[in-house]
Protein backbone atom coordinates (compact mmCIF):
# COMPACT_ATOMS: atom_id res chain seq x y z
CA MET A 1 -211.90 42.46 -46.81
CA ALA A 2 -209.06 44.69 -48.17
CA ALA A 3 -208.77 46.41 -51.14
CA ILE A 4 -204.55 44.92 -51.51
CA GLN A 5 -202.82 42.02 -49.80
CA LEU A 6 -199.93 41.35 -50.41
CA SER A 7 -198.41 38.19 -48.61
CA GLY A 8 -194.70 37.19 -48.52
CA VAL A 9 -194.42 38.79 -52.01
CA THR A 10 -190.70 38.30 -53.81
CA LYS A 11 -189.77 39.24 -57.19
CA THR A 12 -186.29 38.35 -58.25
CA TYR A 13 -184.66 38.75 -62.06
CA GLY A 14 -181.59 36.60 -61.97
CA ASP A 15 -179.22 37.35 -58.65
CA VAL A 16 -181.18 40.57 -58.54
CA ALA A 17 -184.16 41.00 -56.05
CA ALA A 18 -186.30 43.68 -56.45
CA LEU A 19 -188.94 43.11 -53.80
CA ARG A 20 -187.92 41.03 -50.33
CA GLY A 21 -191.45 39.44 -48.66
CA ILE A 22 -193.59 41.83 -49.05
CA ASP A 23 -196.33 42.21 -46.74
CA LEU A 24 -198.87 45.08 -47.11
CA THR A 25 -202.60 45.59 -46.44
CA VAL A 26 -204.23 48.44 -48.05
CA GLU A 27 -208.02 48.99 -46.70
CA ARG A 28 -211.03 49.58 -48.52
CA GLY A 29 -211.84 53.37 -48.76
CA GLU A 30 -208.77 54.56 -48.06
CA VAL A 31 -205.97 56.64 -50.18
CA PHE A 32 -202.43 54.95 -49.66
CA GLY A 33 -199.11 56.79 -50.86
CA PHE A 34 -196.50 54.13 -52.00
CA LEU A 35 -192.93 55.74 -51.89
CA GLY A 36 -189.89 54.98 -52.62
CA PRO A 37 -186.43 56.04 -54.10
CA ASN A 38 -186.20 55.18 -57.97
CA GLY A 39 -185.17 51.22 -58.02
CA ALA A 40 -187.13 50.44 -54.93
CA GLY A 41 -189.38 48.22 -56.40
CA LYS A 42 -192.79 50.39 -56.80
CA SER A 43 -193.13 49.91 -60.17
CA THR A 44 -192.74 46.52 -59.84
CA THR A 45 -195.46 46.15 -56.77
CA ILE A 46 -197.95 47.66 -59.13
CA ASP A 47 -196.94 45.60 -61.80
CA ILE A 48 -197.73 42.11 -59.64
CA LEU A 49 -200.86 43.96 -58.77
CA LEU A 50 -202.32 43.83 -62.29
CA ARG A 51 -200.68 40.37 -63.31
CA TYR A 52 -198.28 42.19 -65.77
CA THR A 53 -195.70 40.30 -64.04
CA HIS A 54 -195.72 37.31 -62.05
CA PRO A 55 -194.11 37.41 -58.48
CA THR A 56 -191.32 34.82 -57.54
CA ASP A 57 -193.51 34.21 -54.21
CA GLY A 58 -195.97 35.01 -52.82
CA ARG A 59 -199.78 35.82 -52.53
CA VAL A 60 -201.58 38.95 -54.25
CA GLU A 61 -205.36 39.55 -53.80
CA VAL A 62 -207.17 42.35 -54.89
CA LEU A 63 -210.50 43.09 -54.42
CA GLY A 64 -210.87 40.04 -52.81
CA HIS A 65 -209.76 38.21 -56.06
CA ASP A 66 -206.73 36.17 -56.47
CA VAL A 67 -204.51 37.59 -58.77
CA ALA A 68 -202.75 34.62 -59.96
CA THR A 69 -206.10 33.05 -60.79
CA ASP A 70 -208.25 35.75 -62.01
CA PRO A 71 -206.73 38.76 -63.21
CA VAL A 72 -209.45 39.21 -65.48
CA ALA A 73 -211.92 40.19 -62.33
CA VAL A 74 -209.15 42.48 -61.32
CA ARG A 75 -208.78 44.61 -64.01
CA ARG A 76 -212.26 44.72 -64.78
CA GLU A 77 -212.29 46.68 -61.51
CA THR A 78 -209.57 48.59 -61.25
CA GLY A 79 -208.71 52.20 -62.95
CA VAL A 80 -205.21 52.49 -63.88
CA LEU A 81 -203.03 55.93 -64.71
CA PRO A 82 -199.58 53.93 -65.75
CA GLU A 83 -196.69 56.06 -65.93
CA GLY A 84 -195.77 57.15 -69.10
CA PHE A 85 -198.61 56.46 -71.28
CA ALA A 86 -198.48 57.72 -74.60
CA PRO A 87 -201.80 58.45 -76.70
CA PHE A 88 -202.53 56.76 -79.94
CA GLU A 89 -201.33 58.77 -82.94
CA THR A 90 -204.97 58.82 -84.78
CA MET A 91 -207.34 59.29 -81.85
CA THR A 92 -208.84 62.59 -80.45
CA GLY A 93 -209.06 63.18 -76.79
CA ARG A 94 -212.91 62.23 -77.00
CA GLN A 95 -212.05 58.91 -78.88
CA HIS A 96 -209.71 57.72 -75.91
CA VAL A 97 -212.31 58.47 -73.30
CA GLU A 98 -215.54 56.21 -75.97
CA TYR A 99 -212.82 53.65 -76.25
CA ALA A 100 -212.37 53.16 -73.03
CA ILE A 101 -215.84 53.19 -72.00
CA GLU A 102 -216.78 50.34 -74.61
CA ALA A 103 -213.87 48.14 -73.52
CA ASN A 104 -214.96 48.01 -70.04
CA ALA A 105 -219.03 48.14 -71.19
CA ALA A 106 -219.65 51.04 -69.04
CA ASP A 107 -222.29 54.13 -69.65
CA ASP A 108 -220.13 56.87 -68.56
CA ASP A 109 -220.80 60.35 -70.40
CA PRO A 110 -217.62 61.26 -72.34
CA ASP A 111 -217.87 64.42 -72.28
CA GLU A 112 -218.57 64.72 -68.08
CA LEU A 113 -215.27 62.61 -67.91
CA LEU A 114 -213.44 65.18 -69.76
CA GLU A 115 -215.16 68.22 -68.27
CA ARG A 116 -214.14 66.73 -64.88
CA VAL A 117 -210.21 66.34 -65.38
CA ASP A 118 -210.31 69.88 -67.67
CA VAL A 119 -209.89 68.70 -71.24
CA ALA A 120 -213.01 69.36 -72.70
CA HIS A 121 -211.88 72.11 -74.52
CA ALA A 122 -209.79 70.10 -76.83
CA ALA A 123 -211.87 67.03 -76.46
CA ASP A 124 -211.94 66.70 -80.75
CA ARG A 125 -208.13 67.65 -80.91
CA LEU A 126 -205.36 64.59 -81.94
CA ALA A 127 -204.17 63.49 -78.32
CA THR A 128 -200.77 63.68 -79.38
CA GLY A 129 -200.97 67.26 -79.80
CA TYR A 130 -201.48 67.46 -76.32
CA SER A 131 -199.20 68.74 -73.39
CA LYS A 132 -197.70 66.26 -71.05
CA GLY A 133 -200.00 67.88 -68.53
CA MET A 134 -203.12 67.18 -70.54
CA ALA A 135 -202.15 64.01 -71.84
CA GLN A 136 -201.65 62.92 -67.96
CA ARG A 137 -205.11 64.39 -66.99
CA LEU A 138 -207.06 62.46 -70.10
CA THR A 139 -205.41 59.15 -69.10
CA LEU A 140 -206.92 59.89 -65.60
CA ALA A 141 -210.00 60.06 -67.31
CA THR A 142 -210.11 56.63 -69.12
CA ALA A 143 -208.77 55.25 -65.44
CA LEU A 144 -212.16 56.95 -63.99
CA VAL A 145 -214.36 55.04 -66.66
CA GLY A 146 -217.00 52.66 -65.15
CA GLU A 147 -216.51 54.28 -61.35
CA PRO A 148 -213.80 51.32 -60.52
CA ASP A 149 -213.37 50.14 -56.49
CA LEU A 150 -209.57 50.64 -56.79
CA LEU A 151 -207.82 53.38 -58.95
CA ILE A 152 -204.24 52.66 -59.14
CA LEU A 153 -202.10 55.88 -60.15
CA ASP A 154 -198.33 55.53 -60.71
CA GLU A 155 -196.86 58.84 -60.35
CA PRO A 156 -200.38 61.09 -61.30
CA SER A 157 -198.72 64.43 -60.88
CA THR A 158 -196.32 63.94 -63.77
CA GLY A 159 -196.00 67.14 -65.93
CA LEU A 160 -198.84 68.53 -64.15
CA ASP A 161 -198.73 72.74 -63.53
CA PRO A 162 -200.03 73.84 -60.17
CA HIS A 163 -204.13 73.84 -61.45
CA GLY A 164 -203.62 70.39 -62.48
CA VAL A 165 -202.33 69.01 -59.47
CA ARG A 166 -205.08 70.62 -57.76
CA THR A 167 -207.60 68.99 -60.13
CA MET A 168 -205.80 65.83 -59.51
CA ARG A 169 -206.07 66.09 -55.68
CA GLU A 170 -209.91 66.73 -55.50
CA ILE A 171 -210.55 64.10 -57.89
CA VAL A 172 -208.71 61.29 -55.36
CA ARG A 173 -210.49 63.18 -52.92
CA GLU A 174 -213.68 62.80 -54.40
CA GLU A 175 -213.33 59.19 -55.32
CA CYS A 176 -212.37 58.30 -51.66
CA ASP A 177 -215.18 59.99 -50.91
CA ARG A 178 -217.56 57.93 -53.05
CA GLY A 179 -216.08 54.79 -51.70
CA ALA A 180 -213.23 53.78 -54.28
CA THR A 181 -209.75 53.03 -52.82
CA VAL A 182 -207.03 54.85 -54.12
CA PHE A 183 -203.38 53.48 -54.51
CA PHE A 184 -200.46 56.11 -55.72
CA SER A 185 -197.00 56.22 -56.27
CA SER A 186 -195.73 59.70 -56.50
CA HIS A 187 -192.07 61.31 -55.95
CA ILE A 188 -193.58 64.33 -55.33
CA LEU A 189 -194.18 64.30 -51.58
CA GLU A 190 -195.81 66.98 -51.02
CA GLN A 191 -198.58 66.18 -53.21
CA VAL A 192 -198.66 62.77 -51.09
CA GLU A 193 -198.80 64.50 -47.56
CA ALA A 194 -201.91 66.58 -48.75
CA VAL A 195 -204.14 63.48 -49.90
CA ALA A 196 -202.80 60.09 -48.31
CA ASP A 197 -204.45 58.55 -45.27
CA ARG A 198 -201.62 55.99 -44.77
CA VAL A 199 -198.01 55.93 -46.60
CA GLY A 200 -196.13 52.40 -47.03
CA ILE A 201 -192.07 53.35 -47.82
CA LEU A 202 -190.59 50.99 -49.48
CA SER A 203 -186.31 50.57 -50.26
CA ASP A 204 -184.31 48.14 -52.15
CA GLY A 205 -187.34 46.18 -52.30
CA GLN A 206 -187.96 46.12 -48.97
CA LEU A 207 -191.44 47.81 -46.83
CA LEU A 208 -189.73 49.73 -44.24
CA THR A 209 -192.72 51.03 -42.55
CA VAL A 210 -196.30 51.67 -43.11
CA ASP A 211 -198.23 54.14 -41.03
CA THR A 212 -200.29 57.68 -41.11
CA ILE A 213 -197.62 60.39 -41.41
CA ASP A 214 -198.30 61.72 -37.50
CA GLY A 215 -197.62 57.79 -36.86
CA LEU A 216 -194.52 58.42 -39.24
CA ARG A 217 -193.39 61.19 -37.50
CA ASP A 218 -193.87 59.55 -33.99
CA GLY A 219 -191.87 56.88 -34.88
CA VAL A 220 -188.75 58.73 -36.07
CA GLY A 221 -189.14 61.35 -32.86
CA ALA A 222 -189.66 64.40 -35.15
CA THR A 223 -189.93 67.57 -33.65
CA GLY A 224 -191.90 70.39 -35.05
CA GLU A 225 -192.22 74.24 -34.16
CA LEU A 226 -195.13 75.90 -32.15
CA THR A 227 -195.45 79.65 -32.31
CA VAL A 228 -197.43 80.80 -29.80
CA THR A 229 -198.19 84.69 -29.57
CA LEU A 230 -199.18 85.89 -26.32
CA GLU A 231 -201.30 88.87 -24.83
CA PRO A 232 -198.58 91.99 -24.48
CA ASP A 233 -200.09 93.01 -21.16
CA ALA A 234 -199.59 89.07 -20.65
CA ALA A 235 -196.35 88.45 -21.55
CA GLY A 236 -194.32 90.03 -18.88
CA PRO A 237 -190.87 91.39 -19.10
CA THR A 238 -188.30 89.89 -21.81
CA GLU A 239 -185.04 89.39 -20.45
CA SER A 240 -182.24 91.11 -21.88
CA THR A 241 -179.34 89.17 -23.23
CA GLY A 242 -177.21 92.41 -22.48
CA SER A 243 -178.81 95.26 -24.50
CA PRO A 244 -182.62 97.00 -23.72
CA GLY A 245 -185.74 95.07 -25.90
CA GLY A 246 -183.15 92.11 -26.02
CA THR A 247 -184.16 87.99 -26.83
CA ALA A 248 -184.46 85.81 -24.20
CA THR A 249 -183.56 81.92 -25.80
CA ALA A 250 -183.53 78.98 -23.57
CA THR A 251 -182.80 75.12 -24.48
CA ALA A 252 -184.33 72.61 -22.84
CA PRO A 253 -181.96 69.98 -20.43
CA GLY A 254 -180.90 67.28 -22.60
CA SER A 255 -182.10 68.83 -25.76
CA ARG A 256 -180.38 68.20 -28.95
CA SER A 257 -180.10 71.74 -29.83
CA GLU A 258 -179.87 75.56 -29.00
CA ALA A 259 -181.56 78.35 -30.57
CA ALA A 260 -179.82 81.77 -31.64
CA GLY A 261 -181.24 85.02 -30.10
CA SER A 262 -182.29 87.92 -31.76
CA SER A 263 -183.33 91.64 -31.17
CA THR A 264 -187.04 92.20 -30.63
CA ARG A 265 -189.28 95.34 -30.34
CA GLY A 266 -188.77 97.19 -27.10
CA SER A 267 -192.16 99.08 -26.70
CA ASP A 268 -193.61 95.74 -25.40
CA GLN A 269 -190.80 94.85 -23.28
CA ARG A 270 -190.55 97.24 -20.57
CA ALA A 271 -190.22 96.16 -16.69
CA PRO A 272 -193.93 97.76 -14.82
CA ALA A 273 -193.67 100.66 -13.44
CA ASN A 274 -195.37 100.28 -10.41
CA PRO A 275 -193.66 97.46 -7.93
CA SER A 276 -197.10 96.59 -6.31
CA GLN A 277 -198.11 95.04 -9.64
CA ARG A 278 -198.97 91.75 -9.94
CA SER A 279 -195.81 89.72 -11.02
CA VAL A 280 -196.08 87.53 -14.43
CA ALA A 281 -194.83 84.37 -14.87
CA ASP A 282 -191.88 84.06 -16.95
CA PRO A 283 -193.02 82.28 -20.59
CA VAL A 284 -189.86 80.67 -21.48
CA ALA A 285 -189.55 79.59 -17.88
CA VAL A 286 -192.81 78.13 -17.92
CA VAL A 287 -192.29 76.37 -21.65
CA GLU A 288 -188.97 74.75 -21.31
CA ALA A 289 -189.68 72.57 -18.20
CA ILE A 290 -192.48 70.99 -20.65
CA ASP A 291 -191.32 67.18 -21.44
CA GLY A 292 -191.14 66.83 -25.01
CA VAL A 293 -189.88 70.61 -25.59
CA GLU A 294 -186.08 71.03 -26.82
CA ALA A 295 -185.98 74.97 -27.70
CA VAL A 296 -187.66 77.88 -26.84
CA ARG A 297 -186.62 80.86 -28.36
CA ARG A 298 -188.80 84.25 -27.55
CA HIS A 299 -189.30 87.38 -29.74
CA GLY A 300 -191.17 90.29 -28.12
CA ASP A 301 -194.76 89.03 -27.50
CA GLU A 302 -194.19 85.57 -29.52
CA LEU A 303 -192.96 82.01 -28.18
CA ILE A 304 -191.26 79.95 -30.56
CA VAL A 305 -190.82 76.64 -29.39
CA THR A 306 -189.23 73.41 -31.30
CA CYS A 307 -190.62 70.28 -29.47
CA ARG A 308 -192.27 66.53 -30.35
CA ARG A 309 -196.08 66.68 -31.55
CA GLU A 310 -197.92 65.09 -28.60
CA ALA A 311 -195.87 68.20 -26.37
CA LYS A 312 -197.65 70.92 -27.72
CA LEU A 313 -201.13 70.97 -25.94
CA GLY A 314 -199.15 70.85 -22.98
CA VAL A 315 -197.23 74.27 -23.83
CA LEU A 316 -200.50 75.89 -24.15
CA ASP A 317 -202.07 74.69 -21.26
CA GLU A 318 -199.29 75.21 -19.23
CA LEU A 319 -198.74 79.13 -20.38
CA ARG A 320 -202.40 79.28 -19.39
CA ASP A 321 -202.53 77.57 -15.96
CA ALA A 322 -199.57 80.04 -15.20
CA GLY A 323 -202.07 82.91 -15.74
CA LEU A 324 -200.52 83.86 -19.56
CA ALA A 325 -203.29 84.78 -21.72
CA ILE A 326 -202.69 83.50 -26.06
CA HIS A 327 -203.48 85.46 -28.59
CA ASP A 328 -202.71 83.32 -31.18
CA PHE A 329 -200.58 80.20 -32.39
CA THR A 330 -199.54 78.50 -35.16
CA THR A 331 -197.89 74.98 -35.82
CA GLU A 332 -195.51 73.25 -38.20
CA GLU A 333 -194.97 69.74 -38.43
CA THR A 334 -191.83 68.00 -39.58
CA SER A 335 -192.64 67.26 -43.48
CA LEU A 336 -193.03 63.85 -45.52
CA GLU A 337 -190.25 64.86 -47.55
CA ASP A 338 -187.69 64.58 -44.08
CA LEU A 339 -189.58 61.65 -42.72
CA PHE A 340 -188.35 60.04 -46.37
CA VAL A 341 -185.32 61.05 -45.74
CA SER A 342 -185.14 59.82 -42.12
CA TYR A 343 -186.50 56.52 -43.04
CA THR A 344 -184.74 55.69 -46.51
CA GLU A 345 -181.12 57.03 -45.77
CA GLY A 346 -179.78 54.53 -43.67
CA GLU A 347 -180.90 52.07 -46.31
CA ARG A 348 -178.48 53.29 -48.84
């Protein structure tokens, strides 16, 4: 049974369509990032999940409950961090948590929850005096009351400093490890990328795609970079572009880009003094022939390869098969921010 199931959900306000036939399944135990530009329909979707507003058409189930007929059960089993929550003027941080515990008939220890979100030091101060980040963490504490099966977090990183962001991320993963489902919207895509198992991208009320982040990369044919450092003795001579110690640059046939050359150290690039020495394969030539490789740049013992994600293991294998010893390698993928732009720019 899915944690969230939306089937053909629409929402209109007069002539304005806020949601257009949304079909979405969020599995139990996953961290799901819900993304979209401002006005895409994210907040409307969350309001429908919690029955704060009604869909114009379609069916909504949360934790096996039909939201239309049993909204109380949904709210009882769901912890919510709403966007823009303002603390009560006359209540301390501790009193906010105690109120949430009483309202949910739970037996949580308020001090433990306050400690977990790093607000324990200010527990007995009026929450209206909290910074925006502290108020956000306090609201998270109230959402955690009763160990809910589902957490819905609307822009949870708003107002948080780097320490608070890290705390939020750790709690999200801990809740997932406990077996809870976490559904959250955020405009800080770096944070989504760090914790989400899958993401959905909403634009103009339409769900454009749902996939893992690697799946999104594959869907747009995104390339990344693989930097391979070869052992100096195995790297072989570097082809010169006109001066000793120059950089060899190659672009794979049919690729969309060309890489510019730059100068490198000359000490490791001299040709063998002994002509009888075993010849070494040209690593640039080896790599540029691999399917999925778009460009290769060489800087001394380093190869910088622009390629599809699935080609990276092939690059390493082909270099080894050619007798070239690899000292180290690093990889960099297309960011979620770039993927988000790729999926949404055509919708505007």
